[in-house]
Amino acid sequence: MEPAGERRMTKREERLLEEIEALKGRLREVEGRIDAMAGPKKPEEGRVRTFVSGFDEALEGGIPKGHVVVLGGPSGTMKTSLGLNLVHRNRLDGVKGLYVSLEEGRASLLRTMSRLGMEPKDDFIVDIARLRTEHEAADETRGWLKILEEYLQRKREKEPFGLVVIDPLNSLYALAKMADPRTDLFHFFTFLRGLGVTAVLIAETSEGGPPFPNHEDFLADGAVQLRYASDADGAVTVEVRCLKMRHTNHRRDWFRLEVADGGFVARAPAPSTRP
C-alpha cells in the first residue's frame, strides 16, 4: 500500500518526464555551441588586461579602467617589453593605446617588439626624442610636463585612446626638473585621471633599494613590482607581484615571469632566494 499523499507516476507521466529531460539536454548542447561560436569570454567589464597569463587572473581580470598604475623594477626586468606587449595586445583587442617613450627611440622599440613576435599594424609609439628637438626652448617656457600634458590632451581629442604607457618615469623627473616630485606627480596623476584613460608609468629602480623611492605607489591607484630572484638551481629569474590595486581583490604573491609562445606567463614560483 502506498504511503498517504504519495502515488506512483503513470507511464504517460514517466514518458513526459523523460522527454523533458531530453529537451533539457538538447538545450544545454545548443548553449554550448553558442558559447563556442562566441569565442573566449571577455574579461570583466571595466578592466584593461595586462595580457600576462596568470597575472590577469590574480587581478580579477586586469587593471580597472581609468587607473594610474606604476610598474617598477631594476634594469633588465622586461619592463619595456611588458609595456609594449600591454599596448600592442590591447590594440588588437580593440582598446586604442599609446606608448610614450622618453628615452628609447622608435627603431629600438620596434626591434624589441619583433623579437617578441609582435607585428604592429599601426603606429602607436610616440618618440619624445623627436618632440624634444621640436621644443628646444621648453625648459625656458612651459616645461616638459606641460608639453606632455598638452600633447596627450590634443591626441585624445583628435584620436580617442583608452590606454597610455609612459616609459620611463625617471626621465620625466629629469626633463621636467621637478623640485618637488611628490607634489608634481600628484598633479600629473590627477591630470591623467581627468583625461579618462588607463595609464601605466614605468619606473626604473635600483636592485636592493625601495621599489618606489618617490612614493609613486602611494600616489598611484596601483603598483606592480618586478625583481630578480634565484631558483633552487641558482639560475636568476624575474618575478612580478601586485603591491596595490584599488577596487580589486588582488593577490600579493610573487609570480615567476616568463616569455612563452610569444607572450608573457606568470607562474607561481618555488621558494627562492634573492641573488
Protein backbone atom coordinates (compact mmCIF):
# COMPACT_ATOMS: atom_id res chain seq x y z
CA MET A 1 0.00 0.00 0.00
CA GLU A 2 1.43 3.43 -0.99
CA PRO A 3 2.08 5.99 1.78
CA ALA A 4 -0.65 8.57 2.27
CA GLY A 5 -0.25 11.59 -0.01
CA GLU A 6 2.01 9.75 -2.50
CA ARG A 7 1.16 7.91 -5.72
CA ARG A 8 3.03 6.10 -8.43
CA MET A 9 3.55 8.02 -11.71
CA THR A 10 1.64 6.76 -14.68
CA LYS A 11 3.53 5.54 -17.73
CA ARG A 12 2.38 8.65 -19.60
CA GLU A 13 3.85 10.92 -16.89
CA GLU A 14 7.10 8.93 -16.95
CA ARG A 15 7.37 9.40 -20.73
CA LEU A 16 6.69 13.15 -20.37
CA LEU A 17 9.42 13.43 -17.72
CA GLU A 18 11.89 11.60 -19.98
CA GLU A 19 11.03 13.92 -22.86
CA ILE A 20 11.54 16.99 -20.63
CA GLU A 21 14.99 15.72 -19.54
CA ALA A 22 15.89 15.04 -23.18
CA LEU A 23 14.85 18.58 -24.14
CA LYS A 24 16.99 19.98 -21.31
CA GLY A 25 19.98 18.03 -22.64
CA ARG A 26 19.44 19.39 -26.16
CA LEU A 27 19.15 22.93 -24.75
CA ARG A 28 22.50 22.55 -22.97
CA GLU A 29 24.06 21.36 -26.23
CA VAL A 30 22.72 24.42 -28.09
CA GLU A 31 24.00 26.75 -25.36
CA GLY A 32 27.43 25.12 -25.60
CA ARG A 33 27.53 25.63 -29.36
CA ILE A 34 26.55 29.29 -28.97
CA ASP A 35 29.33 29.83 -26.41
CA ALA A 36 31.85 28.14 -28.72
CA MET A 37 30.81 30.35 -31.66
CA ALA A 38 31.13 33.47 -29.47
CA GLY A 39 34.74 32.59 -28.64
CA PRO A 40 36.55 33.12 -25.34
CA LYS A 41 34.73 35.23 -22.81
CA LYS A 42 35.95 38.77 -22.36
CA PRO A 43 37.40 39.86 -19.03
CA GLU A 44 35.23 41.65 -16.53
CA GLU A 45 33.78 44.84 -17.98
CA GLY A 46 35.62 47.93 -16.87
CA ARG A 47 39.09 46.34 -16.84
CA VAL A 48 42.14 46.54 -19.11
CA ARG A 49 44.02 43.26 -19.42
CA THR A 50 47.78 43.11 -18.86
CA PHE A 51 47.91 40.10 -21.20
CA VAL A 52 50.20 38.30 -18.78
CA SER A 53 48.62 34.87 -18.43
CA GLY A 54 48.13 34.02 -14.77
CA PHE A 55 48.61 37.62 -13.64
CA ASP A 56 45.33 38.96 -15.00
CA GLU A 57 43.59 36.19 -13.08
CA ALA A 58 45.27 37.47 -9.90
CA LEU A 59 43.85 40.96 -10.64
CA GLU A 60 40.21 39.93 -11.13
CA GLY A 61 40.67 40.22 -14.88
CA GLY A 62 43.08 43.15 -15.21
CA ILE A 63 43.60 46.81 -14.32
CA PRO A 64 40.42 48.80 -13.59
CA LYS A 65 39.81 51.31 -16.38
CA GLY A 66 40.89 54.85 -15.54
CA HIS A 67 43.52 53.76 -13.01
CA VAL A 68 47.02 55.23 -12.89
CA VAL A 69 49.45 52.35 -12.27
CA VAL A 70 53.21 52.40 -11.70
CA LEU A 71 55.34 49.48 -12.88
CA GLY A 72 58.75 49.45 -11.18
CA GLY A 73 61.82 47.28 -11.27
CA PRO A 74 65.58 47.27 -11.86
CA SER A 75 67.16 47.39 -15.31
CA GLY A 76 66.66 44.26 -17.41
CA THR A 77 63.45 43.02 -15.76
CA MET A 78 61.47 43.36 -19.03
CA LYS A 79 59.53 46.49 -18.03
CA THR A 80 59.64 47.94 -21.55
CA SER A 81 58.69 44.60 -23.10
CA LEU A 82 55.71 44.32 -20.75
CA GLY A 83 54.63 47.87 -21.61
CA LEU A 84 54.87 47.28 -25.36
CA ASN A 85 53.00 43.98 -25.03
CA LEU A 86 50.30 45.72 -22.98
CA VAL A 87 49.62 48.36 -25.65
CA HIS A 88 50.04 46.07 -28.65
CA ARG A 89 47.76 43.29 -27.40
CA ASN A 90 45.10 45.72 -26.18
CA ARG A 91 45.04 47.46 -29.56
CA LEU A 92 44.45 44.08 -31.20
CA ASP A 93 41.65 43.57 -28.66
CA GLY A 94 40.00 46.87 -29.58
CA VAL A 95 41.45 49.18 -26.90
CA LYS A 96 43.36 52.04 -28.54
CA GLY A 97 46.61 52.91 -26.80
CA LEU A 98 49.83 54.93 -26.99
CA TYR A 99 53.37 54.08 -25.91
CA VAL A 100 55.24 57.26 -24.94
CA SER A 101 59.00 56.70 -24.91
CA LEU A 102 61.05 59.35 -23.13
CA GLU A 103 64.44 57.77 -23.90
CA GLU A 104 64.49 54.80 -26.28
CA GLY A 105 63.95 55.52 -29.96
CA ARG A 106 61.21 54.05 -32.12
CA ALA A 107 63.60 51.84 -34.14
CA SER A 108 64.93 50.16 -30.99
CA LEU A 109 61.43 49.60 -29.62
CA LEU A 110 60.27 48.07 -32.90
CA ARG A 111 63.20 45.63 -32.75
CA THR A 112 62.14 44.64 -29.23
CA MET A 113 58.61 44.03 -30.46
CA SER A 114 59.85 41.96 -33.38
CA ARG A 115 61.91 39.73 -31.07
CA LEU A 116 58.76 39.09 -29.03
CA GLY A 117 56.73 38.22 -32.11
CA MET A 118 54.71 41.46 -32.13
CA GLU A 119 53.98 42.92 -35.55
CA PRO A 120 52.23 46.28 -35.12
CA LYS A 121 49.73 47.10 -37.87
CA ASP A 122 49.67 50.78 -36.96
CA ASP A 123 51.98 53.25 -35.26
CA PHE A 124 51.33 53.71 -31.54
CA ILE A 125 54.86 54.68 -30.41
CA VAL A 126 55.38 58.35 -29.51
CA ASP A 127 59.10 59.16 -29.66
CA ILE A 128 59.69 62.04 -27.27
CA ALA A 129 63.27 62.42 -28.57
CA ARG A 130 61.71 63.84 -31.73
CA LEU A 131 59.43 66.14 -29.75
CA ARG A 132 62.43 67.38 -27.77
CA THR A 133 64.06 68.65 -30.97
CA GLU A 134 60.82 70.45 -31.85
CA HIS A 135 60.62 72.16 -28.44
CA GLU A 136 64.21 73.17 -27.68
CA ALA A 137 63.05 76.13 -25.61
CA ALA A 138 60.76 74.05 -23.42
CA ASP A 139 62.91 74.48 -20.31
CA GLU A 140 62.58 78.25 -20.50
CA THR A 141 58.86 78.31 -21.33
CA ARG A 142 56.17 75.81 -20.37
CA GLY A 143 58.30 72.89 -19.22
CA TRP A 144 58.23 69.28 -20.34
CA LEU A 145 55.46 68.15 -18.03
CA LYS A 146 53.16 70.77 -19.51
CA ILE A 147 54.21 69.87 -23.07
CA LEU A 148 53.45 66.21 -22.44
CA GLU A 149 50.05 67.05 -20.93
CA GLU A 150 49.15 69.26 -23.89
CA TYR A 151 50.26 66.61 -26.36
CA LEU A 152 48.17 63.90 -24.70
CA GLN A 153 45.15 66.23 -24.47
CA ARG A 154 45.33 67.09 -28.19
CA LYS A 155 45.88 63.46 -29.14
CA ARG A 156 42.91 62.37 -27.03
CA GLU A 157 40.65 64.94 -28.71
CA LYS A 158 41.87 64.08 -32.22
CA GLU A 159 42.10 60.29 -31.90
CA PRO A 160 40.48 58.99 -28.70
CA PHE A 161 42.54 56.35 -26.90
CA GLY A 162 41.93 54.46 -23.69
CA LEU A 163 45.43 53.40 -22.66
CA VAL A 164 48.82 55.11 -22.37
CA VAL A 165 52.20 53.79 -21.23
CA ILE A 166 54.92 56.31 -20.28
CA ASP A 167 58.49 54.94 -20.15
CA PRO A 168 60.45 55.74 -18.02
CA LEU A 169 59.08 57.97 -15.30
CA ASN A 170 62.65 58.69 -14.15
CA SER A 171 63.37 60.64 -17.34
CA LEU A 172 60.29 62.76 -16.78
CA TYR A 173 61.75 63.81 -13.43
CA ALA A 174 64.91 65.00 -15.18
CA LEU A 175 63.20 66.61 -18.17
CA ALA A 176 60.63 68.44 -16.06
CA LYS A 177 63.26 69.34 -13.41
CA MET A 178 60.84 68.53 -10.63
CA ALA A 179 61.79 70.40 -7.46
CA ASP A 180 59.09 68.54 -5.51
CA PRO A 181 58.46 65.22 -7.31
CA ARG A 182 55.67 64.13 -4.96
CA THR A 183 53.61 67.30 -5.48
CA ASP A 184 54.29 67.42 -9.23
CA LEU A 185 53.41 63.74 -9.58
CA PHE A 186 50.18 64.25 -7.66
CA HIS A 187 49.08 66.90 -10.17
CA PHE A 188 50.26 64.82 -13.16
CA PHE A 189 48.41 61.71 -11.94
CA THR A 190 45.32 63.86 -11.40
CA PHE A 191 45.64 65.11 -15.00
CA LEU A 192 45.86 61.52 -16.31
CA ARG A 193 42.75 60.50 -14.38
CA GLY A 194 40.91 63.54 -15.73
CA LEU A 195 41.95 62.52 -19.25
CA GLY A 196 39.80 59.43 -18.81
CA VAL A 197 42.46 56.89 -19.77
CA THR A 198 44.19 53.97 -18.09
CA ALA A 199 47.83 54.95 -17.56
CA VAL A 200 50.87 52.78 -16.80
CA LEU A 201 54.06 54.59 -15.83
CA ILE A 202 57.31 52.61 -15.89
CA ALA A 203 59.84 53.40 -13.16
CA GLU A 204 63.49 52.30 -13.14
CA THR A 205 64.60 51.29 -9.64
CA SER A 206 67.87 50.08 -8.16
CA GLU A 207 68.37 46.46 -7.18
CA GLY A 208 68.02 46.13 -3.42
CA GLY A 209 66.59 49.63 -2.99
CA PRO A 210 63.00 50.68 -2.30
CA PRO A 211 60.67 49.74 -5.17
CA PHE A 212 59.28 53.28 -5.43
CA PRO A 213 61.66 55.81 -3.81
CA ASN A 214 59.47 58.84 -4.57
CA HIS A 215 56.35 57.17 -3.11
CA GLU A 216 54.82 56.77 -6.56
CA ASP A 217 52.93 53.74 -5.25
CA PHE A 218 51.20 55.90 -2.62
CA LEU A 219 50.02 58.42 -5.22
CA ALA A 220 49.02 55.85 -7.85
CA ASP A 221 45.91 53.69 -7.96
CA GLY A 222 48.03 50.59 -8.47
CA ALA A 223 51.63 49.44 -8.16
CA VAL A 224 53.31 46.43 -9.78
CA GLN A 225 56.83 45.43 -8.78
CA LEU A 226 59.46 43.40 -10.66
CA ARG A 227 62.60 41.90 -9.13
CA TYR A 228 65.38 39.39 -9.70
CA ALA A 229 65.38 36.10 -7.81
CA SER A 230 67.29 32.80 -7.86
CA ASP A 231 65.68 29.40 -8.25
CA ALA A 232 66.76 26.20 -6.49
CA ASP A 233 69.47 25.62 -9.13
CA GLY A 234 70.88 29.12 -8.73
CA ALA A 235 69.51 30.38 -12.05
CA VAL A 236 68.45 34.03 -11.99
CA THR A 237 64.78 34.62 -12.82
CA VAL A 238 62.42 37.60 -12.91
CA GLU A 239 59.44 37.79 -10.58
CA VAL A 240 56.39 40.06 -10.54
CA ARG A 241 53.76 40.93 -7.97
CA CYS A 242 50.97 43.42 -7.42
CA LEU A 243 51.65 45.58 -4.38
CA LYS A 244 48.46 47.59 -4.70
CA MET A 245 45.40 47.83 -6.92
CA ARG A 246 42.43 49.88 -5.81
CA HIS A 247 38.96 48.41 -6.29
CA THR A 248 40.47 44.95 -6.76
CA ASN A 249 40.66 41.91 -4.53
CA HIS A 250 44.11 41.01 -5.82
CA ARG A 251 46.77 38.50 -4.83
CA ARG A 252 50.06 39.81 -3.42
CA ASP A 253 52.15 36.72 -4.15
CA TRP A 254 55.31 36.78 -6.24
CA PHE A 255 54.98 35.09 -9.65
CA ARG A 256 57.82 33.89 -11.85
CA LEU A 257 57.62 35.90 -15.09
CA GLU A 258 58.40 34.02 -18.29
CA VAL A 259 58.22 34.59 -22.04
CA ALA A 260 56.35 31.72 -23.65
CA ASP A 261 54.77 31.27 -27.10
CA GLY A 262 55.31 34.91 -27.99
CA GLY A 263 53.59 36.17 -24.82
CA PHE A 264 54.09 36.51 -21.09
CA VAL A 265 53.19 33.99 -18.42
CA ALA A 266 53.18 34.46 -14.63
CA ARG A 267 53.73 31.20 -12.76
CA ALA A 268 53.63 30.64 -9.01
CA PRO A 269 57.34 30.21 -8.20
CA ALA A 270 59.02 27.69 -5.98
CA PRO A 271 60.62 29.14 -2.83
CA SER A 272 63.51 31.31 -3.98
CA THR A 273 66.31 33.43 -2.60
CA ARG A 274 67.47 36.81 -3.82
CA PRO A 275 70.79 36.75 -5.77
